[in-house]
Amino acid sequence: MVYLKRICFFVFSNYICFPVLADKGINLSYGLDGQSSSYSIFFYQHFKLNSPLDKINIGYIIRFSNFNSARDLFYSDSSSSERTADKSIQIMSPNVYSLNAGVSANAELFNNIGLGFNLDILGHSFGSTKYIVNSTIQAKPSPLNLFLYNINDLGSLNSEFYLYYLLNDQIFFRTGLSHYFSEYLTETPLVDNCKKFRRISNLFFFSCGIIL
């Protein structure tokens, strides 16, 4: 434990700089995959690392997201990694709203171009109740969002992997892949006595941000 504390102290004291005016801003994203679409708006704050890692920024985000589709989409049993028809239900026109807190990091490569990612960690989801296709059973978005990795995740979570371009001191653009978990909770147990069903969507997105 003492050794771990020494490592943490070394990292924070030597590589992480917390300036009084850290980079912060607002970002708006829109993504789609042919079946569904999503949009999100998030506030972020980044802290620069010290030399020789001064091209890297780490920070946090607070993101409001929406995942929706005009189509009826298949959702799989959340307790299983299998995505088979006998472990799935079809939800009518899903529409999930989420408010999450998360982390982010990016690194400048050259000429104001760089790579980055962000990840939702904890939050709350809500939305209207939906019917399961060919059934009178209803489902609603799972309220608790919590990142626990892979099939252990709870609720609806968004993460983005992207390439960004800094146009000037205030405006930047991003494009990349949004990895979106959305989860519904049925009113009664269904497949394998399960009440939670999730869909994993990979959406290509475009985004514009403003540095405050």
C-alpha atoms as a PDB file:
ATOM      1  CA  MET A   1       0.000   0.000   0.000  1.00  0.00           C
ATOM      2  CA  VAL A   2       2.838   2.381   0.860  1.00  0.00           C
ATOM      3  CA  TYR A   3       4.542   1.483  -2.432  1.00  0.00           C
ATOM      4  CA  LEU A   4       1.349   2.291  -4.339  1.00  0.00           C
ATOM      5  CA  LYS A   5       1.066   5.669  -2.621  1.00  0.00           C
ATOM      6  CA  ARG A   6       4.643   6.482  -3.613  1.00  0.00           C
ATOM      7  CA  ILE A   7       3.894   5.622  -7.246  1.00  0.00           C
ATOM      8  CA  CYS A   8       0.768   7.807  -7.242  1.00  0.00           C
ATOM      9  CA  PHE A   9       2.663  10.692  -5.650  1.00  0.00           C
ATOM     10  CA  PHE A  10       5.444  10.374  -8.228  1.00  0.00           C
ATOM     11  CA  VAL A  11       2.972  10.394 -11.142  1.00  0.00           C
ATOM     12  CA  PHE A  12       0.957  13.356  -9.876  1.00  0.00           C
ATOM     13  CA  SER A  13       3.929  15.427  -8.810  1.00  0.00           C
ATOM     14  CA  ASN A  14       6.026  14.815 -11.914  1.00  0.00           C
ATOM     15  CA  TYR A  15       3.628  14.406 -14.823  1.00  0.00           C
ATOM     16  CA  ILE A  16       0.265  16.016 -14.103  1.00  0.00           C
ATOM     17  CA  CYS A  17      -0.202  19.764 -14.117  1.00  0.00           C
ATOM     18  CA  PHE A  18      -3.402  21.309 -12.705  1.00  0.00           C
ATOM     19  CA  PRO A  19      -3.354  24.884 -14.023  1.00  0.00           C
ATOM     20  CA  VAL A  20      -5.794  27.414 -12.606  1.00  0.00           C
ATOM     21  CA  LEU A  21      -7.362  27.833 -16.053  1.00  0.00           C
ATOM     22  CA  ALA A  22      -7.500  24.265 -17.358  1.00  0.00           C
ATOM     23  CA  ASP A  23      -8.976  23.642 -20.826  1.00  0.00           C
ATOM     24  CA  LYS A  24     -12.748  23.288 -20.691  1.00  0.00           C
ATOM     25  CA  GLY A  25     -15.574  23.479 -23.184  1.00  0.00           C
ATOM     26  CA  ILE A  26     -18.798  22.111 -24.644  1.00  0.00           C
ATOM     27  CA  ASN A  27     -19.124  19.522 -27.396  1.00  0.00           C
ATOM     28  CA  LEU A  28     -22.039  18.399 -29.574  1.00  0.00           C
ATOM     29  CA  SER A  29     -21.987  15.025 -31.398  1.00  0.00           C
ATOM     30  CA  TYR A  30     -24.250  13.175 -33.806  1.00  0.00           C
ATOM     31  CA  GLY A  31     -23.814   9.551 -34.915  1.00  0.00           C
ATOM     32  CA  LEU A  32     -25.606   6.897 -36.952  1.00  0.00           C
ATOM     33  CA  ASP A  33     -25.179   3.302 -38.099  1.00  0.00           C
ATOM     34  CA  GLY A  34     -27.995   2.764 -40.599  1.00  0.00           C
ATOM     35  CA  GLN A  35     -30.448   1.395 -38.031  1.00  0.00           C
ATOM     36  CA  SER A  36     -30.173   3.863 -35.189  1.00  0.00           C
ATOM     37  CA  SER A  37     -28.836   7.290 -34.379  1.00  0.00           C
ATOM     38  CA  SER A  38     -27.562   9.146 -31.349  1.00  0.00           C
ATOM     39  CA  TYR A  39     -26.680  12.621 -30.243  1.00  0.00           C
ATOM     40  CA  SER A  40     -24.899  13.913 -27.195  1.00  0.00           C
ATOM     41  CA  ILE A  41     -23.803  17.144 -25.637  1.00  0.00           C
ATOM     42  CA  PHE A  42     -21.162  17.198 -22.947  1.00  0.00           C
ATOM     43  CA  PHE A  43     -19.160  19.551 -20.810  1.00  0.00           C
ATOM     44  CA  TYR A  44     -15.493  18.649 -20.422  1.00  0.00           C
ATOM     45  CA  GLN A  45     -12.446  19.821 -18.536  1.00  0.00           C
ATOM     46  CA  HIS A  46      -8.920  18.720 -19.440  1.00  0.00           C
ATOM     47  CA  PHE A  47      -5.641  18.945 -17.563  1.00  0.00           C
ATOM     48  CA  LYS A  48      -2.329  18.914 -19.395  1.00  0.00           C
ATOM     49  CA  LEU A  49       0.501  16.582 -18.492  1.00  0.00           C
ATOM     50  CA  ASN A  50       3.949  17.988 -17.886  1.00  0.00           C
ATOM     51  CA  SER A  51       6.937  17.557 -20.170  1.00  0.00           C
ATOM     52  CA  PRO A  52       7.798  15.188 -21.795  1.00  0.00           C
ATOM     53  CA  LEU A  53       4.122  14.204 -21.985  1.00  0.00           C
ATOM     54  CA  ASP A  54       2.804  17.731 -22.589  1.00  0.00           C
ATOM     55  CA  LYS A  55       0.969  16.694 -25.777  1.00  0.00           C
ATOM     56  CA  ILE A  56      -1.410  14.584 -23.659  1.00  0.00           C
ATOM     57  CA  ASN A  57      -4.530  15.823 -21.877  1.00  0.00           C
ATOM     58  CA  ILE A  58      -6.635  13.923 -19.346  1.00  0.00           C
ATOM     59  CA  GLY A  59      -9.882  15.012 -17.750  1.00  0.00           C
ATOM     60  CA  TYR A  60     -13.548  14.393 -17.050  1.00  0.00           C
ATOM     61  CA  ILE A  61     -16.847  14.843 -18.878  1.00  0.00           C
ATOM     62  CA  ILE A  62     -20.503  15.272 -17.958  1.00  0.00           C
ATOM     63  CA  ARG A  63     -22.556  13.977 -20.896  1.00  0.00           C
ATOM     64  CA  PHE A  64     -26.231  14.047 -21.818  1.00  0.00           C
ATOM     65  CA  SER A  65     -26.973  11.454 -24.522  1.00  0.00           C
ATOM     66  CA  ASN A  66     -29.852  10.094 -26.540  1.00  0.00           C
ATOM     67  CA  PHE A  67     -30.013   6.773 -28.400  1.00  0.00           C
ATOM     68  CA  ASN A  68     -33.008   6.228 -30.689  1.00  0.00           C
ATOM     69  CA  SER A  69     -34.348   4.441 -33.738  1.00  0.00           C
ATOM     70  CA  ALA A  70     -37.484   4.605 -35.886  1.00  0.00           C
ATOM     71  CA  ARG A  71     -37.094   0.847 -36.340  1.00  0.00           C
ATOM     72  CA  ASP A  72     -37.817  -2.020 -33.957  1.00  0.00           C
ATOM     73  CA  LEU A  73     -34.429  -3.203 -32.678  1.00  0.00           C
ATOM     74  CA  PHE A  74     -33.247  -6.472 -31.164  1.00  0.00           C
ATOM     75  CA  TYR A  75     -31.920  -6.454 -27.592  1.00  0.00           C
ATOM     76  CA  SER A  76     -30.020  -9.422 -26.142  1.00  0.00           C
ATOM     77  CA  ASP A  77     -30.036 -10.993 -22.685  1.00  0.00           C
ATOM     78  CA  SER A  78     -27.708  -8.774 -20.604  1.00  0.00           C
ATOM     79  CA  SER A  79     -26.473 -11.704 -18.514  1.00  0.00           C
ATOM     80  CA  SER A  80     -24.984 -13.463 -21.551  1.00  0.00           C
ATOM     81  CA  SER A  81     -22.345 -12.600 -24.143  1.00  0.00           C
ATOM     82  CA  GLU A  82     -24.283 -14.554 -26.781  1.00  0.00           C
ATOM     83  CA  ARG A  83     -26.295 -12.612 -29.340  1.00  0.00           C
ATOM     84  CA  THR A  84     -28.665 -15.269 -30.619  1.00  0.00           C
ATOM     85  CA  ALA A  85     -32.331 -15.053 -31.596  1.00  0.00           C
ATOM     86  CA  ASP A  86     -33.457 -17.275 -28.720  1.00  0.00           C
ATOM     87  CA  LYS A  87     -31.796 -14.914 -26.210  1.00  0.00           C
ATOM     88  CA  SER A  88     -33.185 -11.708 -27.707  1.00  0.00           C
ATOM     89  CA  ILE A  89     -36.303  -9.574 -27.706  1.00  0.00           C
ATOM     90  CA  GLN A  90     -37.361  -6.882 -30.162  1.00  0.00           C
ATOM     91  CA  ILE A  91     -38.241  -3.465 -28.741  1.00  0.00           C
ATOM     92  CA  MET A  92     -40.447  -1.037 -30.622  1.00  0.00           C
ATOM     93  CA  SER A  93     -38.618   2.169 -31.628  1.00  0.00           C
ATOM     94  CA  PRO A  94     -36.228   2.405 -28.651  1.00  0.00           C
ATOM     95  CA  ASN A  95     -35.500   5.861 -27.291  1.00  0.00           C
ATOM     96  CA  VAL A  96     -33.145   6.214 -24.303  1.00  0.00           C
ATOM     97  CA  TYR A  97     -31.878   9.359 -22.583  1.00  0.00           C
ATOM     98  CA  SER A  98     -28.856   9.298 -20.276  1.00  0.00           C
ATOM     99  CA  LEU A  99     -26.947  11.673 -18.044  1.00  0.00           C
ATOM    100  CA  ASN A 100     -23.499  10.328 -17.180  1.00  0.00           C
ATOM    101  CA  ALA A 101     -20.162  11.387 -15.741  1.00  0.00           C
ATOM    102  CA  GLY A 102     -17.010   9.958 -17.267  1.00  0.00           C
ATOM    103  CA  VAL A 103     -13.350  10.337 -18.180  1.00  0.00           C
ATOM    104  CA  SER A 104     -11.516  11.450 -21.300  1.00  0.00           C
ATOM    105  CA  ALA A 105      -8.010  11.641 -22.732  1.00  0.00           C
ATOM    106  CA  ASN A 106      -6.444  12.890 -25.941  1.00  0.00           C
ATOM    107  CA  ALA A 107      -3.025  13.321 -27.470  1.00  0.00           C
ATOM    108  CA  GLU A 108      -1.891  15.765 -30.153  1.00  0.00           C
ATOM    109  CA  LEU A 109      -0.049  14.110 -33.042  1.00  0.00           C
ATOM    110  CA  PHE A 110       0.914  16.951 -35.407  1.00  0.00           C
ATOM    111  CA  ASN A 111      -0.427  20.239 -36.858  1.00  0.00           C
ATOM    112  CA  ASN A 112      -3.387  20.467 -34.412  1.00  0.00           C
ATOM    113  CA  ILE A 113      -4.473  16.902 -35.263  1.00  0.00           C
ATOM    114  CA  GLY A 114      -4.742  14.237 -32.581  1.00  0.00           C
ATOM    115  CA  LEU A 115      -6.395  11.105 -31.227  1.00  0.00           C
ATOM    116  CA  GLY A 116      -8.600  10.660 -28.193  1.00  0.00           C
ATOM    117  CA  PHE A 117     -11.283   8.738 -26.361  1.00  0.00           C
ATOM    118  CA  ASN A 118     -13.921   9.299 -23.701  1.00  0.00           C
ATOM    119  CA  LEU A 119     -15.924   6.903 -21.574  1.00  0.00           C
ATOM    120  CA  ASP A 120     -19.089   7.123 -19.452  1.00  0.00           C
ATOM    121  CA  ILE A 121     -18.609   5.754 -15.923  1.00  0.00           C
ATOM    122  CA  LEU A 122     -21.697   6.478 -13.820  1.00  0.00           C
ATOM    123  CA  GLY A 123     -25.101   8.017 -14.340  1.00  0.00           C
ATOM    124  CA  HIS A 124     -28.844   7.718 -14.816  1.00  0.00           C
ATOM    125  CA  SER A 125     -31.071   6.798 -17.795  1.00  0.00           C
ATOM    126  CA  PHE A 126     -34.719   7.503 -18.499  1.00  0.00           C
ATOM    127  CA  GLY A 127     -37.227   7.451 -21.334  1.00  0.00           C
ATOM    128  CA  SER A 128     -40.700   6.386 -22.352  1.00  0.00           C
ATOM    129  CA  THR A 129     -41.974   2.854 -21.848  1.00  0.00           C
ATOM    130  CA  LYS A 130     -41.888   0.685 -24.995  1.00  0.00           C
ATOM    131  CA  TYR A 131     -43.707  -2.489 -26.010  1.00  0.00           C
ATOM    132  CA  ILE A 132     -41.915  -5.670 -26.994  1.00  0.00           C
ATOM    133  CA  VAL A 133     -42.834  -6.665 -30.545  1.00  0.00           C
ATOM    134  CA  ASN A 134     -45.654  -9.247 -30.754  1.00  0.00           C
ATOM    135  CA  SER A 135     -46.279  -8.919 -27.024  1.00  0.00           C
ATOM    136  CA  THR A 136     -48.216  -6.895 -24.472  1.00  0.00           C
ATOM    137  CA  ILE A 137     -45.147  -6.799 -22.192  1.00  0.00           C
ATOM    138  CA  GLN A 138     -43.517  -3.417 -21.715  1.00  0.00           C
ATOM    139  CA  ALA A 139     -39.931  -2.345 -21.115  1.00  0.00           C
ATOM    140  CA  LYS A 140     -38.309   0.856 -19.926  1.00  0.00           C
ATOM    141  CA  PRO A 141     -34.690   2.084 -19.860  1.00  0.00           C
ATOM    142  CA  SER A 142     -32.655   0.671 -16.975  1.00  0.00           C
ATOM    143  CA  PRO A 143     -32.195   3.614 -14.574  1.00  0.00           C
ATOM    144  CA  LEU A 144     -28.692   2.898 -13.220  1.00  0.00           C
ATOM    145  CA  ASN A 145     -25.687   3.328 -15.510  1.00  0.00           C
ATOM    146  CA  LEU A 146     -22.383   1.912 -14.290  1.00  0.00           C
ATOM    147  CA  PHE A 147     -19.231   0.938 -16.163  1.00  0.00           C
ATOM    148  CA  LEU A 148     -18.036  -2.488 -14.990  1.00  0.00           C
ATOM    149  CA  TYR A 149     -16.463  -3.697 -18.274  1.00  0.00           C
ATOM    150  CA  ASN A 150     -17.997  -5.788 -21.049  1.00  0.00           C
ATOM    151  CA  ILE A 151     -21.164  -7.775 -20.200  1.00  0.00           C
ATOM    152  CA  ASN A 152     -20.952  -6.627 -16.573  1.00  0.00           C
ATOM    153  CA  ASP A 153     -21.862  -3.040 -17.534  1.00  0.00           C
ATOM    154  CA  LEU A 154     -25.177  -1.702 -16.282  1.00  0.00           C
ATOM    155  CA  GLY A 155     -27.594   0.631 -18.057  1.00  0.00           C
ATOM    156  CA  SER A 156     -26.797   2.882 -21.011  1.00  0.00           C
ATOM    157  CA  LEU A 157     -23.219   4.029 -21.585  1.00  0.00           C
ATOM    158  CA  ASN A 158     -21.489   5.849 -24.413  1.00  0.00           C
ATOM    159  CA  SER A 159     -17.807   5.863 -25.324  1.00  0.00           C
ATOM    160  CA  GLU A 160     -16.084   7.555 -28.247  1.00  0.00           C
ATOM    161  CA  PHE A 161     -12.821   6.865 -30.073  1.00  0.00           C
ATOM    162  CA  TYR A 162     -11.938   9.713 -32.389  1.00  0.00           C
ATOM    163  CA  LEU A 163      -9.627  11.830 -34.498  1.00  0.00           C
ATOM    164  CA  TYR A 164      -9.784  15.559 -33.786  1.00  0.00           C
ATOM    165  CA  TYR A 165      -8.723  18.744 -35.536  1.00  0.00           C
ATOM    166  CA  LEU A 166      -8.169  22.007 -33.684  1.00  0.00           C
ATOM    167  CA  LEU A 167      -9.285  24.779 -36.048  1.00  0.00           C
ATOM    168  CA  ASN A 168      -8.193  27.620 -33.779  1.00  0.00           C
ATOM    169  CA  ASP A 169      -8.002  28.512 -30.091  1.00  0.00           C
ATOM    170  CA  GLN A 170     -11.765  28.091 -29.651  1.00  0.00           C
ATOM    171  CA  ILE A 171     -13.201  25.636 -32.209  1.00  0.00           C
ATOM    172  CA  PHE A 172     -12.388  21.996 -32.932  1.00  0.00           C
ATOM    173  CA  PHE A 173     -13.943  19.101 -34.842  1.00  0.00           C
ATOM    174  CA  ARG A 174     -13.995  15.376 -34.099  1.00  0.00           C
ATOM    175  CA  THR A 175     -14.949  12.270 -36.050  1.00  0.00           C
ATOM    176  CA  GLY A 176     -14.767   8.617 -35.095  1.00  0.00           C
ATOM    177  CA  LEU A 177     -16.651   5.685 -33.628  1.00  0.00           C
ATOM    178  CA  SER A 178     -19.227   5.807 -30.834  1.00  0.00           C
ATOM    179  CA  HIS A 179     -19.529   2.521 -28.915  1.00  0.00           C
ATOM    180  CA  TYR A 180     -22.995   2.713 -27.383  1.00  0.00           C
ATOM    181  CA  PHE A 181     -24.573   0.391 -24.813  1.00  0.00           C
ATOM    182  CA  SER A 182     -28.334   0.849 -24.369  1.00  0.00           C
ATOM    183  CA  GLU A 183     -30.291  -1.297 -21.932  1.00  0.00           C
ATOM    184  CA  TYR A 184     -33.983  -1.939 -21.256  1.00  0.00           C
ATOM    185  CA  LEU A 185     -35.654  -3.463 -18.221  1.00  0.00           C
ATOM    186  CA  THR A 186     -38.788  -5.564 -18.834  1.00  0.00           C
ATOM    187  CA  GLU A 187     -41.703  -5.561 -16.390  1.00  0.00           C
ATOM    188  CA  THR A 188     -41.603  -9.371 -16.097  1.00  0.00           C
ATOM    189  CA  PRO A 189     -38.739 -11.898 -16.536  1.00  0.00           C
ATOM    190  CA  LEU A 190     -38.410 -13.300 -20.058  1.00  0.00           C
ATOM    191  CA  VAL A 191     -35.536 -15.173 -21.721  1.00  0.00           C
ATOM    192  CA  ASP A 192     -33.642 -17.337 -19.170  1.00  0.00           C
ATOM    193  CA  ASN A 193     -35.627 -15.565 -16.437  1.00  0.00           C
ATOM    194  CA  CYS A 194     -33.864 -12.323 -17.348  1.00  0.00           C
ATOM    195  CA  LYS A 195     -35.365  -8.829 -17.141  1.00  0.00           C
ATOM    196  CA  LYS A 196     -32.434  -6.815 -18.545  1.00  0.00           C
ATOM    197  CA  PHE A 197     -31.719  -6.675 -22.268  1.00  0.00           C
ATOM    198  CA  ARG A 198     -29.040  -4.633 -24.008  1.00  0.00           C
ATOM    199  CA  ARG A 199     -27.998  -3.577 -27.458  1.00  0.00           C
ATOM    200  CA  ILE A 200     -24.424  -2.724 -28.428  1.00  0.00           C
ATOM    201  CA  SER A 201     -24.215  -0.286 -31.338  1.00  0.00           C
ATOM    202  CA  ASN A 202     -21.188   1.131 -33.128  1.00  0.00           C
ATOM    203  CA  LEU A 203     -22.072   4.453 -34.717  1.00  0.00           C
ATOM    204  CA  PHE A 204     -19.922   6.691 -36.882  1.00  0.00           C
ATOM    205  CA  PHE A 205     -20.141  10.224 -35.538  1.00  0.00           C
ATOM    206  CA  PHE A 206     -19.200  13.803 -36.298  1.00  0.00           C
ATOM    207  CA  SER A 207     -18.776  16.448 -33.652  1.00  0.00           C
ATOM    208  CA  CYS A 208     -18.110  20.143 -33.133  1.00  0.00           C
ATOM    209  CA  GLY A 209     -16.717  21.640 -29.939  1.00  0.00           C
ATOM    210  CA  ILE A 210     -16.092  25.034 -28.398  1.00  0.00           C
ATOM    211  CA  ILE A 211     -13.280  25.789 -25.953  1.00  0.00           C
ATOM    212  CA  LEU A 212     -14.513  28.171 -23.256  1.00  0.00           C
END
